[in-house]
């Protein structure tokens, strides 16, 4: 395997990366707070409504064919926070 050419980043590039990473982490913390604190109750309500809907109305399998989900097929809610992925 040929030797890889290593390029060192300039100081400007390193400073820009450091600033950019800090800004992204700040945005992530705000989004995570919004999801885990601000809208947590509303999100839980949306999930419950969805689970109820797929058990009573069902979901589309093909065109106009609906399949209802049995209560035993519904997964249990995990005992952890929601993961925020960015």
Protein backbone atom coordinates (compact mmCIF):
# COMPACT_ATOMS: atom_id res chain seq x y z
CA UNK A 1 0.00 0.00 0.00
CA UNK A 2 1.47 3.36 -0.94
CA UNK A 3 2.36 5.86 1.74
CA UNK A 4 -0.42 8.34 2.33
CA UNK A 5 0.41 11.98 2.02
CA UNK A 6 -0.40 13.77 5.24
CA UNK A 7 -1.46 17.36 5.09
CA UNK A 8 -1.43 19.40 8.20
CA UNK A 9 -4.24 21.87 8.70
CA UNK A 10 -3.44 25.51 8.81
CA UNK A 11 -4.01 27.43 12.03
CA UNK A 12 -6.96 29.17 10.39
CA UNK A 13 -8.52 25.83 9.47
CA UNK A 14 -7.97 24.44 12.96
CA UNK A 15 -9.51 27.56 14.52
CA UNK A 16 -12.48 27.35 12.14
CA UNK A 17 -13.02 23.64 12.97
CA UNK A 18 -12.84 24.31 16.70
CA UNK A 19 -15.40 27.13 16.39
CA UNK A 20 -17.66 25.07 14.13
CA UNK A 21 -17.62 22.04 16.47
CA UNK A 22 -18.44 24.24 19.47
CA UNK A 23 -21.39 25.80 17.59
CA UNK A 24 -22.70 22.37 16.57
CA UNK A 25 -22.48 21.08 20.14
CA UNK A 26 -24.40 24.15 21.35
CA UNK A 27 -27.12 23.57 18.72
CA UNK A 28 -27.27 19.87 19.66
CA UNK A 29 -27.72 20.67 23.37
CA UNK A 30 -30.59 23.05 22.52
CA UNK A 31 -32.30 20.47 20.32
CA UNK A 32 -31.80 17.75 22.92
CA UNK A 33 -33.27 19.98 25.64
CA UNK A 34 -36.24 20.81 23.41
CA UNK A 35 -36.91 17.12 22.73
CA UNK A 36 -36.30 15.76 26.23
CA UNK A 37 -37.84 18.55 28.31
CA UNK A 38 -40.04 20.94 26.36
CA UNK A 39 -42.01 18.57 24.13
CA UNK A 40 -41.59 15.30 26.06
CA UNK A 41 -45.21 15.16 27.26
CA UNK A 42 -46.55 16.08 23.82
CA UNK A 43 -44.31 13.48 22.16
CA UNK A 44 -45.54 10.79 24.58
CA UNK A 45 -49.11 11.77 23.72
CA UNK A 46 -48.34 11.51 19.97
CA UNK A 47 -46.85 8.05 20.48
CA UNK A 48 -49.87 6.86 22.46
CA UNK A 49 -52.24 8.20 19.77
CA UNK A 50 -50.21 6.48 17.06
CA UNK A 51 -50.18 3.14 18.90
CA UNK A 52 -53.93 3.39 19.49
CA UNK A 53 -54.54 4.24 15.83
CA UNK A 54 -52.56 1.29 14.45
CA UNK A 55 -54.44 -1.06 16.78
CA UNK A 56 -57.91 0.22 15.89
CA UNK A 57 -57.61 1.50 12.32
CA UNK A 58 -54.48 -0.32 11.21
CA UNK A 59 -51.91 0.69 8.64
CA UNK A 60 -51.69 0.24 4.87
CA UNK A 61 -50.07 -2.99 3.78
CA UNK A 62 -50.93 -2.61 0.10
CA UNK A 63 -53.11 -0.03 -1.64
CA UNK A 64 -56.35 -0.18 0.38
CA UNK A 65 -55.53 -3.27 2.47
CA UNK A 66 -55.18 -2.40 6.16
CA UNK A 67 -53.59 -4.52 8.86
CA UNK A 68 -54.41 -3.99 12.52
CA UNK A 69 -51.65 -4.48 15.07
CA UNK A 70 -52.46 -6.74 18.00
CA UNK A 71 -51.74 -5.38 21.49
CA UNK A 72 -49.15 -8.10 22.10
CA UNK A 73 -47.22 -6.90 19.02
CA UNK A 74 -46.75 -3.41 20.48
CA UNK A 75 -43.26 -3.05 21.96
CA UNK A 76 -42.86 -1.90 25.54
CA UNK A 77 -41.60 1.62 26.13
CA UNK A 78 -37.86 1.54 26.95
CA UNK A 79 -36.68 2.91 30.29
CA UNK A 80 -34.29 5.43 28.77
CA UNK A 81 -34.35 8.89 27.27
CA UNK A 82 -35.06 9.36 23.60
CA UNK A 83 -31.89 9.54 21.56
CA UNK A 84 -31.35 12.75 19.65
CA UNK A 85 -29.44 12.13 16.44
CA UNK A 86 -28.06 14.88 14.27
